């Protein structure tokens, strides 16, 4: 089945969402956006970061996190600096829809949601004295770890150089 979903809960920075939309487009992951946003979906910065890929996206929008959970079934993984497992130590099932969920840039995911799903909370290792990675970098790291475990389904694995003749 191999269906990867990236979920952004209350994203605040349009450039991050634009970059993540581009990651989704090139990998085939679906993008789920949970309101409220810190920008308008038509914001020029959002489109600038992923405009030429916007029509290639599977994108879904929800009014709140409850609506997201009512409409989606699968395996949920909550990315947080408070996670007890390292993201690359988790086995992401290939036979179910997988949702990698990220919170707002300034606050992360709600503590109550993390506490209710603590066994599914994962973190990307980083130095303890620093706050966190950039959201779009975190989403790309997580996305490619899942795809690596699935052996990069439907993705090109070999590039091709143009024929340069040196005379």
N, C-alpha and C. Protein backbone atom coordinates (compact mmCIF):
# COMPACT_ATOMS: atom_id res chain seq x y z
N UNK A 1 0.83 -1.19 0.00
CA UNK A 1 0.00 0.00 0.00
C UNK A 1 0.87 1.25 0.00
N UNK A 2 1.82 1.39 0.90
CA UNK A 2 2.76 2.50 0.92
C UNK A 2 2.10 3.87 0.75
N UNK A 3 1.41 4.35 1.76
CA UNK A 3 0.87 5.70 1.68
C UNK A 3 1.39 6.51 2.85
N UNK A 4 2.22 7.46 2.53
CA UNK A 4 2.80 8.34 3.53
C UNK A 4 2.06 9.66 3.55
N UNK A 5 1.80 10.15 4.76
CA UNK A 5 1.07 11.40 4.97
C UNK A 5 1.86 12.28 5.93
N UNK A 6 2.05 13.54 5.55
CA UNK A 6 2.67 14.51 6.45
C UNK A 6 1.57 15.43 6.94
N UNK A 7 1.50 15.57 8.26
CA UNK A 7 0.44 16.36 8.89
C UNK A 7 1.08 17.53 9.62
N UNK A 8 0.61 18.76 9.31
CA UNK A 8 1.07 19.96 9.99
C UNK A 8 -0.09 20.52 10.80
N UNK A 9 0.09 20.54 12.10
CA UNK A 9 -0.94 21.05 13.00
C UNK A 9 -0.63 22.51 13.30
N UNK A 10 -1.50 23.39 12.85
CA UNK A 10 -1.41 24.83 13.06
C UNK A 10 -0.07 25.42 12.62
N UNK A 11 0.35 25.16 11.37
CA UNK A 11 1.61 25.74 10.90
C UNK A 11 1.55 27.27 10.90
N UNK A 12 2.65 27.91 11.25
CA UNK A 12 2.68 29.35 11.40
C UNK A 12 3.51 30.08 10.33
N UNK A 13 4.48 29.41 9.74
CA UNK A 13 5.42 30.07 8.83
C UNK A 13 5.17 29.56 7.42
N UNK A 14 4.74 30.43 6.51
CA UNK A 14 4.38 29.97 5.17
C UNK A 14 5.53 29.33 4.41
N UNK A 15 6.75 29.80 4.60
CA UNK A 15 7.88 29.22 3.88
C UNK A 15 8.10 27.76 4.28
N UNK A 16 7.91 27.44 5.56
CA UNK A 16 8.04 26.05 6.00
C UNK A 16 6.99 25.17 5.33
N UNK A 17 5.75 25.64 5.33
CA UNK A 17 4.68 24.86 4.71
C UNK A 17 4.91 24.71 3.21
N UNK A 18 5.40 25.77 2.57
CA UNK A 18 5.74 25.69 1.15
C UNK A 18 6.82 24.67 0.88
N UNK A 19 7.88 24.68 1.69
CA UNK A 19 8.96 23.71 1.52
C UNK A 19 8.47 22.29 1.75
N UNK A 20 7.64 22.11 2.75
CA UNK A 20 7.09 20.77 3.04
C UNK A 20 6.17 20.32 1.91
N UNK A 21 5.42 21.24 1.33
CA UNK A 21 4.56 20.88 0.20
C UNK A 21 5.41 20.39 -0.97
N UNK A 22 6.55 20.99 -1.17
CA UNK A 22 7.45 20.54 -2.24
C UNK A 22 7.99 19.14 -1.94
N UNK A 23 8.36 18.89 -0.68
CA UNK A 23 8.80 17.56 -0.28
C UNK A 23 7.70 16.54 -0.55
N UNK A 24 6.47 16.89 -0.21
CA UNK A 24 5.34 15.98 -0.46
C UNK A 24 5.18 15.72 -1.95
N UNK A 25 5.26 16.75 -2.76
CA UNK A 25 5.07 16.59 -4.20
C UNK A 25 6.12 15.66 -4.80
N UNK A 26 7.39 15.83 -4.43
CA UNK A 26 8.45 15.03 -5.06
C UNK A 26 8.51 13.60 -4.52
N UNK A 27 7.90 13.35 -3.37
CA UNK A 27 7.93 12.00 -2.79
C UNK A 27 6.60 11.27 -2.94
N UNK A 28 5.54 11.98 -3.28
CA UNK A 28 4.22 11.36 -3.38
C UNK A 28 3.47 11.31 -2.06
N UNK A 29 4.03 11.92 -1.02
CA UNK A 29 3.33 11.97 0.27
C UNK A 29 2.16 12.95 0.19
N UNK A 30 1.10 12.66 0.90
CA UNK A 30 -0.03 13.59 0.99
C UNK A 30 0.26 14.60 2.09
N UNK A 31 -0.24 15.81 1.92
CA UNK A 31 -0.07 16.87 2.91
C UNK A 31 -1.42 17.17 3.55
N UNK A 32 -1.44 17.13 4.89
CA UNK A 32 -2.63 17.43 5.67
C UNK A 32 -2.34 18.67 6.50
N UNK A 33 -3.18 19.70 6.38
CA UNK A 33 -3.01 20.95 7.12
C UNK A 33 -4.18 21.13 8.08
N UNK A 34 -3.84 21.36 9.36
CA UNK A 34 -4.86 21.54 10.40
C UNK A 34 -4.86 22.99 10.84
N UNK A 35 -6.01 23.65 10.73
CA UNK A 35 -6.15 25.06 11.12
C UNK A 35 -6.15 25.21 12.64
N UNK A 36 -5.91 26.44 13.10
CA UNK A 36 -5.67 27.66 12.35
C UNK A 36 -4.22 27.77 11.86
N UNK A 37 -4.05 28.47 10.73
CA UNK A 37 -2.72 28.71 10.17
C UNK A 37 -2.26 30.10 10.57
N UNK A 38 -0.98 30.33 10.50
CA UNK A 38 -0.42 31.66 10.75
C UNK A 38 -0.29 32.45 9.46
N UNK A 39 -1.01 32.06 8.42
CA UNK A 39 -0.92 32.68 7.10
C UNK A 39 -2.15 32.28 6.30
N UNK A 40 -2.34 32.93 5.18
CA UNK A 40 -3.39 32.53 4.25
C UNK A 40 -2.82 31.50 3.30
N UNK A 41 -3.62 30.53 2.91
CA UNK A 41 -3.13 29.47 2.04
C UNK A 41 -2.72 30.02 0.67
N UNK A 42 -3.18 31.19 0.32
CA UNK A 42 -2.80 31.81 -0.95
C UNK A 42 -1.61 32.74 -0.79
N UNK A 43 -1.04 32.80 0.40
CA UNK A 43 0.07 33.69 0.67
C UNK A 43 1.19 33.50 -0.35
N UNK A 44 1.74 34.62 -0.86
CA UNK A 44 2.75 34.54 -1.93
C UNK A 44 4.01 33.79 -1.47
N UNK A 45 4.35 33.86 -0.17
CA UNK A 45 5.54 33.14 0.32
C UNK A 45 5.32 31.63 0.31
N UNK A 46 4.12 31.22 0.66
CA UNK A 46 3.80 29.80 0.63
C UNK A 46 3.92 29.28 -0.80
N UNK A 47 3.30 29.97 -1.73
CA UNK A 47 3.33 29.53 -3.11
C UNK A 47 4.72 29.65 -3.71
N UNK A 48 5.50 30.65 -3.32
CA UNK A 48 6.84 30.81 -3.86
C UNK A 48 7.70 29.59 -3.54
N UNK A 49 7.55 29.04 -2.34
CA UNK A 49 8.38 27.90 -1.93
C UNK A 49 7.99 26.61 -2.64
N UNK A 50 6.76 26.50 -3.13
CA UNK A 50 6.36 25.25 -3.76
C UNK A 50 5.43 25.43 -4.94
N UNK A 51 5.38 26.61 -5.51
CA UNK A 51 4.39 26.94 -6.53
C UNK A 51 4.39 26.00 -7.72
N UNK A 52 5.55 25.69 -8.25
CA UNK A 52 5.57 24.88 -9.45
C UNK A 52 5.21 23.41 -9.18
N UNK A 53 5.00 23.08 -7.91
CA UNK A 53 4.61 21.73 -7.54
C UNK A 53 3.20 21.68 -6.94
N UNK A 54 2.58 22.83 -6.74
CA UNK A 54 1.31 22.91 -6.02
C UNK A 54 0.24 22.03 -6.65
N UNK A 55 0.21 21.95 -7.98
CA UNK A 55 -0.80 21.14 -8.67
C UNK A 55 -0.49 19.64 -8.62
N UNK A 56 0.67 19.28 -8.11
CA UNK A 56 1.07 17.87 -8.00
C UNK A 56 0.80 17.30 -6.61
N UNK A 57 0.23 18.11 -5.75
CA UNK A 57 0.02 17.73 -4.35
C UNK A 57 -1.33 17.08 -4.10
N UNK A 58 -1.33 16.09 -3.20
CA UNK A 58 -2.57 15.64 -2.57
C UNK A 58 -2.62 16.41 -1.27
N UNK A 59 -3.51 17.39 -1.18
CA UNK A 59 -3.56 18.26 0.00
C UNK A 59 -4.96 18.23 0.59
N UNK A 60 -4.99 18.14 1.93
CA UNK A 60 -6.25 18.09 2.66
C UNK A 60 -6.19 19.12 3.78
N UNK A 61 -7.32 19.77 4.05
CA UNK A 61 -7.37 20.78 5.10
C UNK A 61 -8.48 20.46 6.08
N UNK A 62 -8.22 20.77 7.36
CA UNK A 62 -9.14 20.47 8.45
C UNK A 62 -9.27 21.69 9.35
N UNK A 63 -10.44 21.84 9.95
CA UNK A 63 -10.66 22.97 10.85
C UNK A 63 -9.99 22.79 12.20
N UNK A 64 -9.74 21.54 12.62
CA UNK A 64 -9.10 21.28 13.91
C UNK A 64 -8.57 19.85 13.94
N UNK A 65 -7.82 19.53 14.98
CA UNK A 65 -7.19 18.21 15.06
C UNK A 65 -8.22 17.08 15.21
N UNK A 66 -9.32 17.37 15.88
CA UNK A 66 -10.38 16.37 16.01
C UNK A 66 -10.95 15.98 14.66
N UNK A 67 -11.17 16.95 13.79
CA UNK A 67 -11.67 16.66 12.45
C UNK A 67 -10.66 15.81 11.67
N UNK A 68 -9.38 16.12 11.81
CA UNK A 68 -8.34 15.32 11.15
C UNK A 68 -8.45 13.85 11.58
N UNK A 69 -8.50 13.59 12.89
CA UNK A 69 -8.56 12.21 13.38
C UNK A 69 -9.85 11.51 12.96
N UNK A 70 -10.96 12.23 12.87
CA UNK A 70 -12.22 11.62 12.44
C UNK A 70 -12.17 11.15 10.99
N UNK A 71 -11.37 11.80 10.17
CA UNK A 71 -11.35 11.51 8.74
C UNK A 71 -10.19 10.62 8.29
N UNK A 72 -9.31 10.25 9.19
CA UNK A 72 -8.11 9.51 8.78
C UNK A 72 -7.84 8.34 9.72
N UNK A 73 -7.51 7.21 9.13
CA UNK A 73 -7.15 6.01 9.89
C UNK A 73 -5.80 5.51 9.43
N UNK A 74 -5.02 5.02 10.35
CA UNK A 74 -3.71 4.47 10.03
C UNK A 74 -2.83 4.52 11.26
N UNK A 75 -1.54 4.51 11.03
CA UNK A 75 -0.57 4.59 12.12
C UNK A 75 -0.10 6.03 12.24
N UNK A 76 -0.23 6.57 13.45
CA UNK A 76 0.16 7.95 13.72
C UNK A 76 1.48 7.98 14.48
N UNK A 77 2.37 8.88 14.07
CA UNK A 77 3.65 9.11 14.75
C UNK A 77 3.78 10.60 15.00
N UNK A 78 3.97 10.95 16.26
CA UNK A 78 3.99 12.34 16.68
C UNK A 78 5.43 12.78 16.87
N UNK A 79 5.89 13.68 16.01
CA UNK A 79 7.27 14.15 16.08
C UNK A 79 7.36 15.32 17.04
N UNK A 80 8.25 15.14 18.03
CA UNK A 80 8.37 16.11 19.11
C UNK A 80 9.74 16.00 19.76
N UNK A 81 10.22 17.10 20.29
CA UNK A 81 11.48 17.06 21.04
C UNK A 81 11.30 16.29 22.34
N UNK A 82 10.04 15.99 22.71
CA UNK A 82 9.74 15.28 23.96
C UNK A 82 9.57 13.78 23.75
N UNK A 83 9.81 13.31 22.54
CA UNK A 83 9.62 11.90 22.23
C UNK A 83 10.62 11.01 22.94
N UNK A 84 10.21 9.77 23.22
CA UNK A 84 11.10 8.84 23.93
C UNK A 84 11.82 7.90 22.98
N UNK A 85 11.41 7.85 21.72
CA UNK A 85 12.04 6.97 20.74
C UNK A 85 12.69 7.82 19.65
N UNK A 86 13.78 7.31 19.10
CA UNK A 86 14.43 7.97 17.97
C UNK A 86 13.67 7.60 16.69
N UNK A 87 13.44 8.55 15.83
CA UNK A 87 12.63 8.34 14.63
C UNK A 87 13.14 7.20 13.75
N UNK A 88 14.43 6.98 13.71
CA UNK A 88 14.98 5.93 12.86
C UNK A 88 14.98 4.56 13.52
N UNK A 89 14.59 4.49 14.79
CA UNK A 89 14.46 3.20 15.48
C UNK A 89 13.05 2.63 15.37
N UNK A 90 12.14 3.40 14.83
CA UNK A 90 10.75 2.98 14.68
C UNK A 90 10.60 2.25 13.35
N UNK A 91 9.81 1.19 13.33
CA UNK A 91 9.47 0.50 12.08
C UNK A 91 8.12 1.03 11.60
N UNK A 92 8.12 1.68 10.45
CA UNK A 92 6.91 2.26 9.90
C UNK A 92 6.25 1.22 8.98
N UNK A 93 5.03 0.80 9.30
CA UNK A 93 4.40 -0.29 8.55
C UNK A 93 4.10 0.10 7.10
N UNK A 94 4.44 -0.77 6.20
CA UNK A 94 4.21 -0.52 4.78
C UNK A 94 2.81 -0.91 4.34
N UNK A 95 2.09 -1.64 5.18
CA UNK A 95 0.77 -2.13 4.80
C UNK A 95 -0.37 -1.27 5.34
N UNK A 96 -0.04 -0.12 5.93
CA UNK A 96 -1.04 0.80 6.46
C UNK A 96 -0.67 2.22 6.06
N UNK A 97 -1.65 3.09 6.09
CA UNK A 97 -1.34 4.51 5.91
C UNK A 97 -0.55 4.98 7.13
N UNK A 98 0.52 5.71 6.90
CA UNK A 98 1.36 6.24 7.97
C UNK A 98 1.23 7.76 7.96
N UNK A 99 0.98 8.31 9.14
CA UNK A 99 0.85 9.76 9.32
C UNK A 99 1.97 10.23 10.23
N UNK A 100 2.85 11.08 9.72
CA UNK A 100 3.88 11.69 10.55
C UNK A 100 3.40 13.11 10.86
N UNK A 101 3.24 13.39 12.14
CA UNK A 101 2.51 14.58 12.59
C UNK A 101 3.47 15.54 13.28
N UNK A 102 3.38 16.81 12.89
CA UNK A 102 4.23 17.87 13.42
C UNK A 102 3.37 19.02 13.93
N UNK A 103 3.85 19.67 14.99
CA UNK A 103 3.13 20.81 15.56
C UNK A 103 3.64 22.14 15.05
N UNK A 104 3.09 23.18 15.62
CA UNK A 104 3.47 24.54 15.23
C UNK A 104 4.94 24.81 15.52
N UNK A 105 5.50 25.69 14.75
CA UNK A 105 6.92 26.01 14.88
C UNK A 105 7.28 26.56 16.25
N UNK A 106 6.40 27.31 16.86
CA UNK A 106 6.73 27.97 18.13
C UNK A 106 6.34 27.18 19.37
N UNK A 107 5.45 26.19 19.23
CA UNK A 107 4.96 25.47 20.41
C UNK A 107 5.00 23.96 20.29
N UNK A 108 5.12 23.45 19.08
CA UNK A 108 5.04 22.00 18.89
C UNK A 108 3.61 21.51 18.99
N UNK A 109 3.46 20.24 19.25
CA UNK A 109 2.14 19.63 19.40
C UNK A 109 1.63 19.84 20.82
N UNK A 110 0.31 19.87 21.03
CA UNK A 110 -0.23 20.05 22.37
C UNK A 110 0.22 18.94 23.33
N UNK A 111 0.59 19.33 24.55
CA UNK A 111 1.07 18.38 25.56
C UNK A 111 0.05 17.27 25.83
N UNK A 112 -1.23 17.60 25.85
CA UNK A 112 -2.27 16.60 26.11
C UNK A 112 -2.26 15.53 25.01
N UNK A 113 -2.13 15.95 23.76
CA UNK A 113 -2.07 15.01 22.64
C UNK A 113 -0.84 14.11 22.76
N UNK A 114 0.29 14.68 23.14
CA UNK A 114 1.52 13.90 23.31
C UNK A 114 1.37 12.90 24.45
N UNK A 115 0.79 13.34 25.56
CA UNK A 115 0.62 12.45 26.71
C UNK A 115 -0.30 11.29 26.38
N UNK A 116 -1.35 11.54 25.61
CA UNK A 116 -2.30 10.50 25.23
C UNK A 116 -1.70 9.51 24.23
N UNK A 117 -0.63 9.90 23.56
CA UNK A 117 -0.02 9.06 22.51
C UNK A 117 1.47 8.88 22.72
N UNK A 118 1.89 8.84 23.97
CA UNK A 118 3.33 8.88 24.27
C UNK A 118 4.12 7.75 23.64
N UNK A 119 3.54 6.57 23.50
CA UNK A 119 4.25 5.45 22.88
C UNK A 119 4.51 5.68 21.39
N UNK A 120 3.79 6.60 20.79
CA UNK A 120 3.97 6.92 19.36
C UNK A 120 4.68 8.26 19.17
N UNK A 121 5.27 8.80 20.24
CA UNK A 121 6.02 10.05 20.14
C UNK A 121 7.47 9.72 19.79
N UNK A 122 7.96 10.37 18.75
CA UNK A 122 9.33 10.12 18.30
C UNK A 122 10.07 11.45 18.16
N UNK A 123 11.39 11.35 18.24
CA UNK A 123 12.21 12.55 18.14
C UNK A 123 13.35 12.32 17.17
N UNK A 124 13.82 13.41 16.62
CA UNK A 124 15.02 13.41 15.80
C UNK A 124 16.15 13.84 16.73
N UNK A 125 17.22 13.04 16.84
CA UNK A 125 18.29 13.39 17.77
C UNK A 125 18.92 14.74 17.44
N UNK A 126 19.21 15.49 18.48
CA UNK A 126 19.87 16.78 18.35
C UNK A 126 20.51 17.14 19.68
N UNK A 127 21.32 18.15 19.69
CA UNK A 127 21.97 18.58 20.92
C UNK A 127 20.93 19.07 21.92
N UNK A 128 21.07 18.65 23.16
CA UNK A 128 20.08 18.95 24.19
C UNK A 128 19.94 20.44 24.50
N UNK A 129 21.02 21.19 24.34
CA UNK A 129 20.96 22.60 24.73
C UNK A 129 20.32 23.50 23.67
N UNK A 130 19.96 22.91 22.52
CA UNK A 130 19.30 23.69 21.48
C UNK A 130 17.84 23.29 21.38
N UNK A 131 17.01 24.25 21.00
CA UNK A 131 15.57 24.07 21.04
C UNK A 131 15.05 23.01 20.08
N UNK A 132 15.28 23.20 18.78
CA UNK A 132 14.75 22.23 17.82
C UNK A 132 15.27 22.53 16.43
N UNK A 133 15.03 21.59 15.53
CA UNK A 133 15.32 21.77 14.12
C UNK A 133 14.21 22.59 13.47
N UNK A 134 14.49 23.14 12.32
CA UNK A 134 13.48 23.81 11.53
C UNK A 134 12.40 22.80 11.11
N UNK A 135 11.16 23.22 11.08
CA UNK A 135 10.04 22.32 10.78
C UNK A 135 10.18 21.65 9.41
N UNK A 136 10.53 22.41 8.39
CA UNK A 136 10.61 21.78 7.08
C UNK A 136 11.77 20.80 6.99
N UNK A 137 12.87 21.06 7.70
CA UNK A 137 13.96 20.09 7.75
C UNK A 137 13.53 18.83 8.49
N UNK A 138 12.82 19.00 9.59
CA UNK A 138 12.35 17.84 10.37
C UNK A 138 11.40 16.98 9.55
N UNK A 139 10.49 17.62 8.83
CA UNK A 139 9.54 16.87 8.02
C UNK A 139 10.27 16.10 6.91
N UNK A 140 11.27 16.71 6.31
CA UNK A 140 12.03 16.02 5.25
C UNK A 140 12.81 14.83 5.82
N UNK A 141 13.45 15.02 6.96
CA UNK A 141 14.19 13.92 7.60
C UNK A 141 13.25 12.75 7.89
N UNK A 142 12.11 13.05 8.49
CA UNK A 142 11.14 12.01 8.84
C UNK A 142 10.58 11.33 7.60
N UNK A 143 10.21 12.11 6.61
CA UNK A 143 9.65 11.58 5.38
C UNK A 143 10.62 10.60 4.73
N UNK A 144 11.86 10.99 4.59
CA UNK A 144 12.82 10.13 3.92
C UNK A 144 13.22 8.91 4.74
N UNK A 145 13.11 8.99 6.06
CA UNK A 145 13.35 7.78 6.86
C UNK A 145 12.26 6.75 6.60
N UNK A 146 11.01 7.19 6.57
CA UNK A 146 9.92 6.26 6.27
C UNK A 146 10.12 5.67 4.87
N UNK A 147 10.39 6.51 3.89
CA UNK A 147 10.57 6.04 2.52
C UNK A 147 11.78 5.13 2.38
N UNK A 148 12.84 5.39 3.12
CA UNK A 148 14.02 4.52 3.11
C UNK A 148 13.63 3.12 3.57
N UNK A 149 12.86 3.06 4.68
CA UNK A 149 12.44 1.76 5.19
C UNK A 149 11.55 1.02 4.18
N UNK A 150 10.82 1.76 3.38
CA UNK A 150 9.94 1.17 2.38
C UNK A 150 10.67 0.94 1.04
N UNK A 151 11.96 1.19 1.00
CA UNK A 151 12.78 1.05 -0.20
C UNK A 151 12.36 2.02 -1.31
N UNK A 152 12.00 3.22 -0.94
CA UNK A 152 11.69 4.32 -1.86
C UNK A 152 10.71 3.92 -2.97
N UNK A 153 9.51 3.53 -2.60
CA UNK A 153 8.55 3.07 -3.62
C UNK A 153 8.19 4.17 -4.61
N UNK A 154 8.20 3.83 -5.86
CA UNK A 154 7.79 4.74 -6.95
C UNK A 154 8.67 5.98 -7.09
N UNK A 155 9.86 5.96 -6.52
CA UNK A 155 10.77 7.11 -6.64
C UNK A 155 11.96 6.73 -7.49
N UNK A 156 12.39 7.66 -8.32
CA UNK A 156 13.58 7.44 -9.13
C UNK A 156 14.81 7.32 -8.25
N UNK A 157 15.62 6.34 -8.51
CA UNK A 157 16.80 6.08 -7.68
C UNK A 157 18.10 6.37 -8.40
N UNK A 158 18.04 6.68 -9.69
CA UNK A 158 19.27 6.89 -10.44
C UNK A 158 19.12 8.12 -11.32
N UNK A 159 20.06 9.05 -11.19
CA UNK A 159 20.06 10.23 -12.03
C UNK A 159 20.83 9.98 -13.31
N UNK A 160 20.79 10.96 -14.20
CA UNK A 160 21.47 10.81 -15.47
C UNK A 160 22.12 12.13 -15.85
N UNK A 161 23.39 12.06 -16.17
CA UNK A 161 24.10 13.24 -16.64
C UNK A 161 23.84 13.45 -18.12
N UNK A 162 23.90 14.71 -18.54
CA UNK A 162 23.86 15.00 -19.97
C UNK A 162 25.18 14.55 -20.57
N UNK A 163 25.17 14.31 -21.83
CA UNK A 163 26.37 13.88 -22.53
C UNK A 163 27.24 15.10 -22.84
N UNK A 164 28.32 15.24 -22.12
CA UNK A 164 29.27 16.32 -22.35
C UNK A 164 30.46 15.77 -23.11
N UNK A 165 30.77 16.37 -24.18
CA UNK A 165 31.93 15.95 -24.97
C UNK A 165 33.02 16.99 -24.78
N UNK A 166 34.14 16.55 -24.27
CA UNK A 166 35.29 17.44 -24.07
C UNK A 166 36.19 17.37 -25.29
N UNK A 167 36.28 18.45 -25.99
CA UNK A 167 37.15 18.49 -27.18
C UNK A 167 38.34 19.36 -26.95
